[in-house]
PDB file of N, CA and C in Angstrom:
ATOM      1  N   MET A   1     -42.673  26.346 -46.302  1.00  0.00           N
ATOM      2  CA  MET A   1     -43.817  26.837 -47.122  1.00  0.00           C
ATOM      3  C   MET A   1     -45.493  25.697 -46.996  1.00  0.00           C
ATOM      4  N   ALA A   2     -46.300  26.466 -46.963  1.00  0.00           N
ATOM      5  CA  ALA A   2     -47.243  25.240 -47.312  1.00  0.00           C
ATOM      6  C   ALA A   2     -48.374  26.064 -48.080  1.00  0.00           C
ATOM      7  N   ILE A   3     -49.171  25.540 -48.411  1.00  0.00           N
ATOM      8  CA  ILE A   3     -50.252  25.900 -49.401  1.00  0.00           C
ATOM      9  C   ILE A   3     -51.598  26.032 -48.737  1.00  0.00           C
ATOM     10  N   CYS A   4     -52.326  27.295 -48.909  1.00  0.00           N
ATOM     11  CA  CYS A   4     -53.754  27.737 -48.054  1.00  0.00           C
ATOM     12  C   CYS A   4     -54.614  26.689 -48.846  1.00  0.00           C
ATOM     13  N   SER A   5     -55.630  25.935 -48.250  1.00  0.00           N
ATOM     14  CA  SER A   5     -56.370  25.175 -48.911  1.00  0.00           C
ATOM     15  C   SER A   5     -57.674  25.843 -49.422  1.00  0.00           C
ATOM     16  N   GLU A   6     -57.774  27.090 -48.945  1.00  0.00           N
ATOM     17  CA  GLU A   6     -58.725  27.604 -49.460  1.00  0.00           C
ATOM     18  C   GLU A   6     -58.596  28.439 -50.663  1.00  0.00           C
ATOM     19  N   CYS A   7     -57.178  29.212 -50.939  1.00  0.00           N
ATOM     20  CA  CYS A   7     -56.912  29.989 -52.190  1.00  0.00           C
ATOM     21  C   CYS A   7     -55.518  29.553 -52.942  1.00  0.00           C
ATOM     22  N   GLU A   8     -55.378  28.435 -52.357  1.00  0.00           N
ATOM     23  CA  GLU A   8     -53.991  27.731 -52.911  1.00  0.00           C
ATOM     24  C   GLU A   8     -52.582  28.850 -53.059  1.00  0.00           C
ATOM     25  N   ALA A   9     -52.751  29.858 -52.314  1.00  0.00           N
ATOM     26  CA  ALA A   9     -51.549  30.915 -52.061  1.00  0.00           C
ATOM     27  C   ALA A   9     -50.513  29.946 -51.065  1.00  0.00           C
ATOM     28  N   GLU A  10     -49.355  30.407 -51.404  1.00  0.00           N
ATOM     29  CA  GLU A  10     -48.156  30.053 -50.429  1.00  0.00           C
ATOM     30  C   GLU A  10     -48.130  30.598 -49.179  1.00  0.00           C
ATOM     31  N   VAL A  11     -48.074  29.916 -47.967  1.00  0.00           N
ATOM     32  CA  VAL A  11     -48.392  30.304 -46.825  1.00  0.00           C
ATOM     33  C   VAL A  11     -46.779  30.076 -46.103  1.00  0.00           C
ATOM     34  N   ASP A  12     -46.235  31.309 -45.769  1.00  0.00           N
ATOM     35  CA  ASP A  12     -44.901  31.152 -45.036  1.00  0.00           C
ATOM     36  C   ASP A  12     -45.136  30.557 -43.455  1.00  0.00           C
ATOM     37  N   VAL A  13     -44.441  29.277 -43.274  1.00  0.00           N
ATOM     38  CA  VAL A  13     -44.830  28.940 -42.054  1.00  0.00           C
ATOM     39  C   VAL A  13     -43.208  28.399 -41.698  1.00  0.00           C
ATOM     40  N   ASP A  14     -42.948  28.847 -40.097  1.00  0.00           N
ATOM     41  CA  ASP A  14     -41.307  27.912 -40.057  1.00  0.00           C
ATOM     42  C   ASP A  14     -41.841  26.794 -39.424  1.00  0.00           C
ATOM     43  N   GLU A  15     -41.446  25.842 -40.291  1.00  0.00           N
ATOM     44  CA  GLU A  15     -41.823  24.300 -39.958  1.00  0.00           C
ATOM     45  C   GLU A  15     -41.269  23.982 -38.557  1.00  0.00           C
ATOM     46  N   PHE A  16     -40.247  24.656 -37.854  1.00  0.00           N
ATOM     47  CA  PHE A  16     -39.686  24.194 -36.704  1.00  0.00           C
ATOM     48  C   PHE A  16     -40.478  24.876 -35.567  1.00  0.00           C
ATOM     49  N   ASP A  17     -41.396  25.824 -35.901  1.00  0.00           N
ATOM     50  CA  ASP A  17     -41.971  26.711 -34.891  1.00  0.00           C
ATOM     51  C   ASP A  17     -43.507  26.271 -34.479  1.00  0.00           C
ATOM     52  N   VAL A  18     -43.963  25.075 -35.359  1.00  0.00           N
ATOM     53  CA  VAL A  18     -45.405  24.950 -35.239  1.00  0.00           C
ATOM     54  C   VAL A  18     -45.597  23.239 -35.030  1.00  0.00           C
ATOM     55  N   ASP A  19     -46.852  23.194 -34.404  1.00  0.00           N
ATOM     56  CA  ASP A  19     -47.240  21.800 -33.946  1.00  0.00           C
ATOM     57  C   ASP A  19     -48.542  21.614 -34.684  1.00  0.00           C
ATOM     58  N   ARG A  20     -48.724  20.204 -34.556  1.00  0.00           N
ATOM     59  CA  ARG A  20     -49.997  19.812 -35.207  1.00  0.00           C
ATOM     60  C   ARG A  20     -51.346  20.485 -34.496  1.00  0.00           C
ATOM     61  N   GLY A  21     -52.054  21.000 -35.354  1.00  0.00           N
ATOM     62  CA  GLY A  21     -53.277  21.632 -34.282  1.00  0.00           C
ATOM     63  C   GLY A  21     -53.384  23.032 -34.593  1.00  0.00           C
ATOM     64  N   ASP A  22     -52.072  23.742 -34.525  1.00  0.00           N
ATOM     65  CA  ASP A  22     -51.713  25.275 -34.308  1.00  0.00           C
ATOM     66  C   ASP A  22     -52.568  25.615 -35.725  1.00  0.00           C
ATOM     67  N   GLN A  23     -53.263  27.154 -35.285  1.00  0.00           N
ATOM     68  CA  GLN A  23     -53.841  27.614 -35.999  1.00  0.00           C
ATOM     69  C   GLN A  23     -53.041  29.124 -36.612  1.00  0.00           C
ATOM     70  N   LEU A  24     -52.914  28.765 -37.989  1.00  0.00           N
ATOM     71  CA  LEU A  24     -52.716  30.375 -38.706  1.00  0.00           C
ATOM     72  C   LEU A  24     -53.805  30.794 -39.625  1.00  0.00           C
ATOM     73  N   SER A  25     -53.039  32.036 -40.337  1.00  0.00           N
ATOM     74  CA  SER A  25     -54.165  32.826 -41.130  1.00  0.00           C
ATOM     75  C   SER A  25     -53.599  32.968 -42.435  1.00  0.00           C
ATOM     76  N   CYS A  26     -54.031  32.791 -43.305  1.00  0.00           N
ATOM     77  CA  CYS A  26     -53.734  33.162 -44.812  1.00  0.00           C
ATOM     78  C   CYS A  26     -53.580  34.535 -45.037  1.00  0.00           C
ATOM     79  N   PHE A  27     -52.486  34.989 -45.412  1.00  0.00           N
ATOM     80  CA  PHE A  27     -52.467  36.411 -45.646  1.00  0.00           C
ATOM     81  C   PHE A  27     -53.072  36.964 -47.000  1.00  0.00           C
ATOM     82  N   GLU A  28     -53.128  36.046 -47.996  1.00  0.00           N
ATOM     83  CA  GLU A  28     -53.835  36.287 -49.082  1.00  0.00           C
ATOM     84  C   GLU A  28     -55.184  36.356 -49.004  1.00  0.00           C
ATOM     85  N   CYS A  29     -56.045  35.386 -48.406  1.00  0.00           N
ATOM     86  CA  CYS A  29     -57.843  35.364 -48.228  1.00  0.00           C
ATOM     87  C   CYS A  29     -58.224  35.279 -46.985  1.00  0.00           C
ATOM     88  N   GLY A  30     -57.218  35.466 -45.817  1.00  0.00           N
ATOM     89  CA  GLY A  30     -57.742  35.707 -44.710  1.00  0.00           C
ATOM     90  C   GLY A  30     -58.086  34.415 -43.804  1.00  0.00           C
ATOM     91  N   ALA A  31     -58.087  33.561 -44.459  1.00  0.00           N
ATOM     92  CA  ALA A  31     -58.757  32.026 -44.057  1.00  0.00           C
ATOM     93  C   ALA A  31     -57.723  31.502 -42.873  1.00  0.00           C
ATOM     94  N   THR A  32     -58.880  31.015 -41.907  1.00  0.00           N
ATOM     95  CA  THR A  32     -58.302  30.458 -40.424  1.00  0.00           C
ATOM     96  C   THR A  32     -57.712  28.981 -40.905  1.00  0.00           C
ATOM     97  N   LEU A  33     -56.535  28.566 -40.981  1.00  0.00           N
ATOM     98  CA  LEU A  33     -56.049  27.228 -41.096  1.00  0.00           C
ATOM     99  C   LEU A  33     -55.336  26.567 -39.912  1.00  0.00           C
ATOM    100  N   VAL A  34     -55.444  25.114 -39.881  1.00  0.00           N
ATOM    101  CA  VAL A  34     -54.998  24.559 -39.088  1.00  0.00           C
ATOM    102  C   VAL A  34     -53.755  23.455 -39.589  1.00  0.00           C
ATOM    103  N   VAL A  35     -52.495  23.544 -38.989  1.00  0.00           N
ATOM    104  CA  VAL A  35     -51.671  22.626 -39.218  1.00  0.00           C
ATOM    105  C   VAL A  35     -51.986  21.058 -39.270  1.00  0.00           C
ATOM    106  N   SER A  36     -52.341  20.337 -40.272  1.00  0.00           N
ATOM    107  CA  SER A  36     -52.902  19.068 -40.335  1.00  0.00           C
ATOM    108  C   SER A  36     -51.841  18.183 -40.193  1.00  0.00           C
ATOM    109  N   GLU A  37     -50.854  18.444 -40.652  1.00  0.00           N
ATOM    110  CA  GLU A  37     -49.357  17.332 -41.107  1.00  0.00           C
ATOM    111  C   GLU A  37     -48.196  18.333 -40.757  1.00  0.00           C
ATOM    112  N   LEU A  38     -47.180  17.493 -40.339  1.00  0.00           N
ATOM    113  CA  LEU A  38     -46.037  18.293 -40.056  1.00  0.00           C
ATOM    114  C   LEU A  38     -45.026  17.818 -41.352  1.00  0.00           C
ATOM    115  N   SER A  39     -44.975  17.021 -41.739  1.00  0.00           N
ATOM    116  CA  SER A  39     -43.989  16.255 -42.785  1.00  0.00           C
ATOM    117  C   SER A  39     -44.844  15.487 -43.615  1.00  0.00           C
ATOM    118  N   PRO A  40     -44.915  15.996 -45.122  1.00  0.00           N
ATOM    119  CA  PRO A  40     -44.819  17.368 -45.374  1.00  0.00           C
ATOM    120  C   PRO A  40     -45.953  18.502 -44.741  1.00  0.00           C
ATOM    121  N   LEU A  41     -45.415  19.806 -44.505  1.00  0.00           N
ATOM    122  CA  LEU A  41     -46.120  20.721 -43.881  1.00  0.00           C
ATOM    123  C   LEU A  41     -47.642  20.704 -44.759  1.00  0.00           C
ATOM    124  N   ALA A  42     -48.566  20.545 -43.866  1.00  0.00           N
ATOM    125  CA  ALA A  42     -49.906  20.441 -44.671  1.00  0.00           C
ATOM    126  C   ALA A  42     -50.862  21.539 -43.753  1.00  0.00           C
ATOM    127  N   LEU A  43     -51.881  22.139 -44.521  1.00  0.00           N
ATOM    128  CA  LEU A  43     -52.822  22.902 -43.670  1.00  0.00           C
ATOM    129  C   LEU A  43     -54.134  22.680 -44.310  1.00  0.00           C
ATOM    130  N   VAL A  44     -55.230  22.669 -43.511  1.00  0.00           N
ATOM    131  CA  VAL A  44     -56.780  22.612 -43.701  1.00  0.00           C
ATOM    132  C   VAL A  44     -57.392  23.882 -43.234  1.00  0.00           C
ATOM    133  N   LEU A  45     -58.617  23.843 -43.520  1.00  0.00           N
ATOM    134  CA  LEU A  45     -59.533  25.409 -43.076  1.00  0.00           C
ATOM    135  C   LEU A  45     -59.869  24.763 -41.649  1.00  0.00           C
ATOM    136  N   ALA A  46     -59.905  25.808 -40.707  1.00  0.00           N
ATOM    137  CA  ALA A  46     -60.129  25.592 -39.317  1.00  0.00           C
ATOM    138  C   ALA A  46     -61.609  25.196 -39.118  1.00  0.00           C
ATOM    139  N   ASP A  47     -62.620  25.757 -40.255  1.00  0.00           N
ATOM    140  CA  ASP A  47     -64.016  25.255 -40.138  1.00  0.00           C
ATOM    141  C   ASP A  47     -64.350  24.140 -40.893  1.00  0.00           C
ATOM    142  N   ASP A  48     -63.283  23.506 -41.399  1.00  0.00           N
ATOM    143  CA  ASP A  48     -63.727  22.283 -42.009  1.00  0.00           C
ATOM    144  C   ASP A  48     -63.855  21.132 -40.948  1.00  0.00           C
ATOM    145  N   GLU A  49     -64.963  20.505 -40.898  1.00  0.00           N
ATOM    146  CA  GLU A  49     -65.317  19.391 -40.007  1.00  0.00           C
ATOM    147  C   GLU A  49     -63.979  18.624 -39.518  1.00  0.00           C
ATOM    148  N   SER A  50     -63.091  18.467 -40.661  1.00  0.00           N
ATOM    149  CA  SER A  50     -61.667  17.627 -40.132  1.00  0.00           C
ATOM    150  C   SER A  50     -61.024  18.081 -39.305  1.00  0.00           C
ATOM    151  N   ALA A  51     -60.930  19.444 -39.255  1.00  0.00           N
ATOM    152  CA  ALA A  51     -59.975  20.132 -38.429  1.00  0.00           C
ATOM    153  C   ALA A  51     -59.833  19.978 -37.020  1.00  0.00           C
ATOM    154  N   SER A  52     -61.085  19.761 -36.374  1.00  0.00           N
ATOM    155  CA  SER A  52     -60.914  19.072 -35.050  1.00  0.00           C
ATOM    156  C   SER A  52     -60.220  17.888 -34.792  1.00  0.00           C
ATOM    157  N   ASP A  53     -60.184  17.300 -35.822  1.00  0.00           N
ATOM    158  CA  ASP A  53     -59.380  15.990 -35.634  1.00  0.00           C
ATOM    159  C   ASP A  53     -57.758  16.239 -35.602  1.00  0.00           C
ATOM    160  N   PHE A  54     -57.049  17.373 -35.698  1.00  0.00           N
ATOM    161  CA  PHE A  54     -56.077  17.729 -35.685  1.00  0.00           C
ATOM    162  C   PHE A  54     -55.478  18.609 -34.263  1.00  0.00           C
ATOM    163  N   GLU A  55     -56.842  18.606 -33.423  1.00  0.00           N
ATOM    164  CA  GLU A  55     -56.416  19.675 -32.232  1.00  0.00           C
ATOM    165  C   GLU A  55     -55.344  18.510 -31.212  1.00  0.00           C
ATOM    166  N   GLU A  56     -54.684  19.107 -30.609  1.00  0.00           N
ATOM    167  CA  GLU A  56     -54.023  18.159 -29.597  1.00  0.00           C
ATOM    168  C   GLU A  56     -54.787  17.920 -28.257  1.00  0.00           C
ATOM    169  N   PRO A  57     -54.584  16.494 -28.116  1.00  0.00           N
ATOM    170  CA  PRO A  57     -55.487  15.900 -26.979  1.00  0.00           C
ATOM    171  C   PRO A  57     -55.100  16.606 -25.721  1.00  0.00           C
ATOM    172  N   ALA A  58     -56.252  16.848 -24.952  1.00  0.00           N
ATOM    173  CA  ALA A  58     -56.043  17.298 -23.475  1.00  0.00           C
ATOM    174  C   ALA A  58     -54.991  16.253 -22.839  1.00  0.00           C
ATOM    175  N   GLY A  59     -54.080  16.546 -22.093  1.00  0.00           N
ATOM    176  CA  GLY A  59     -53.063  15.653 -21.608  1.00  0.00           C
ATOM    177  C   GLY A  59     -52.297  16.181 -20.597  1.00  0.00           C
ATOM    178  N   GLU A  60     -51.310  16.420 -20.531  1.00  0.00           N
ATOM    179  CA  GLU A  60     -50.406  16.979 -19.367  1.00  0.00           C
ATOM    180  C   GLU A  60     -50.789  18.168 -19.148  1.00  0.00           C
ATOM    181  N   ASP A  61     -51.114  19.084 -20.004  1.00  0.00           N
ATOM    182  CA  ASP A  61     -51.429  20.504 -20.265  1.00  0.00           C
ATOM    183  C   ASP A  61     -52.598  20.462 -19.004  1.00  0.00           C
ATOM    184  N   ALA A  62     -53.476  19.827 -19.277  1.00  0.00           N
ATOM    185  CA  ALA A  62     -54.947  19.998 -18.563  1.00  0.00           C
ATOM    186  C   ALA A  62     -54.490  19.467 -16.935  1.00  0.00           C
ATOM    187  N   ALA A  63     -53.806  18.529 -16.948  1.00  0.00           N
ATOM    188  CA  ALA A  63     -53.501  17.916 -15.381  1.00  0.00           C
ATOM    189  C   ALA A  63     -52.425  19.184 -14.702  1.00  0.00           C
ATOM    190  N   ASP A  64     -51.636  19.723 -15.522  1.00  0.00           N
ATOM    191  CA  ASP A  64     -50.661  21.076 -14.911  1.00  0.00           C
ATOM    192  C   ASP A  64     -51.555  22.096 -14.307  1.00  0.00           C
ATOM    193  N   ASP A  65     -52.502  22.349 -15.266  1.00  0.00           N
ATOM    194  CA  ASP A  65     -53.639  23.480 -14.770  1.00  0.00           C
ATOM    195  C   ASP A  65     -54.157  22.966 -13.506  1.00  0.00           C
ATOM    196  N   ASP A  66     -54.826  21.805 -13.310  1.00  0.00           N
ATOM    197  CA  ASP A  66     -55.405  21.489 -12.243  1.00  0.00           C
ATOM    198  C   ASP A  66     -54.454  21.673 -10.718  1.00  0.00           C
ATOM    199  N   GLU A  67     -53.443  21.072 -11.087  1.00  0.00           N
ATOM    200  CA  GLU A  67     -52.097  21.396  -9.958  1.00  0.00           C
ATOM    201  C   GLU A  67     -51.984  22.627  -9.515  1.00  0.00           C
ATOM    202  N   ASN A  68     -52.134  23.730 -10.649  1.00  0.00           N
ATOM    203  CA  ASN A  68     -51.793  25.084 -10.094  1.00  0.00           C
ATOM    204  C   ASN A  68     -53.043  25.688  -9.535  1.00  0.00           C
ATOM    205  N   ASP A  69     -54.071  25.164  -9.885  1.00  0.00           N
ATOM    206  CA  ASP A  69     -55.471  25.581  -9.465  1.00  0.00           C
ATOM    207  C   ASP A  69     -55.479  24.944  -7.930  1.00  0.00           C
ATOM    208  N   GLU A  70     -55.048  23.870  -7.219  1.00  0.00           N
ATOM    209  CA  GLU A  70     -55.056  23.515  -6.033  1.00  0.00           C
ATOM    210  C   GLU A  70     -54.212  24.261  -5.064  1.00  0.00           C
ATOM    211  N   ARG A  71     -52.913  24.758  -5.641  1.00  0.00           N
ATOM    212  CA  ARG A  71     -51.919  25.688  -4.804  1.00  0.00           C
ATOM    213  C   ARG A  71     -52.442  26.933  -4.783  1.00  0.00           C
ATOM    214  N   ASP A  72     -53.310  27.747  -5.142  1.00  0.00           N
ATOM    215  CA  ASP A  72     -53.809  28.785  -5.296  1.00  0.00           C
ATOM    216  C   ASP A  72     -54.711  29.053  -3.800  1.00  0.00           C
TER     217      ASP A  72
END
C-alpha cells in the first residue's frame, strides 16, 4: 500500500512488481504517480518537477536497442 500524494487515498501497489520510476494512476483522483522510493513504498505526482529524478537512467536497455537495430 502507498499513499497518493495528491488526494492521500491508499493506492494498492504490488511492492514486488514495481520499480523506482514506474508510473501508476490513483483510482480515487486519477493523478499520475511515479514510484519514488521502494522501501518504504512512496509515490509522487508525475508532473512534479522532482518526478523526473526517479526515472531509470538509460543504460543497458538503450544499448540493447542499438544492437537489435544493427541486426535488422
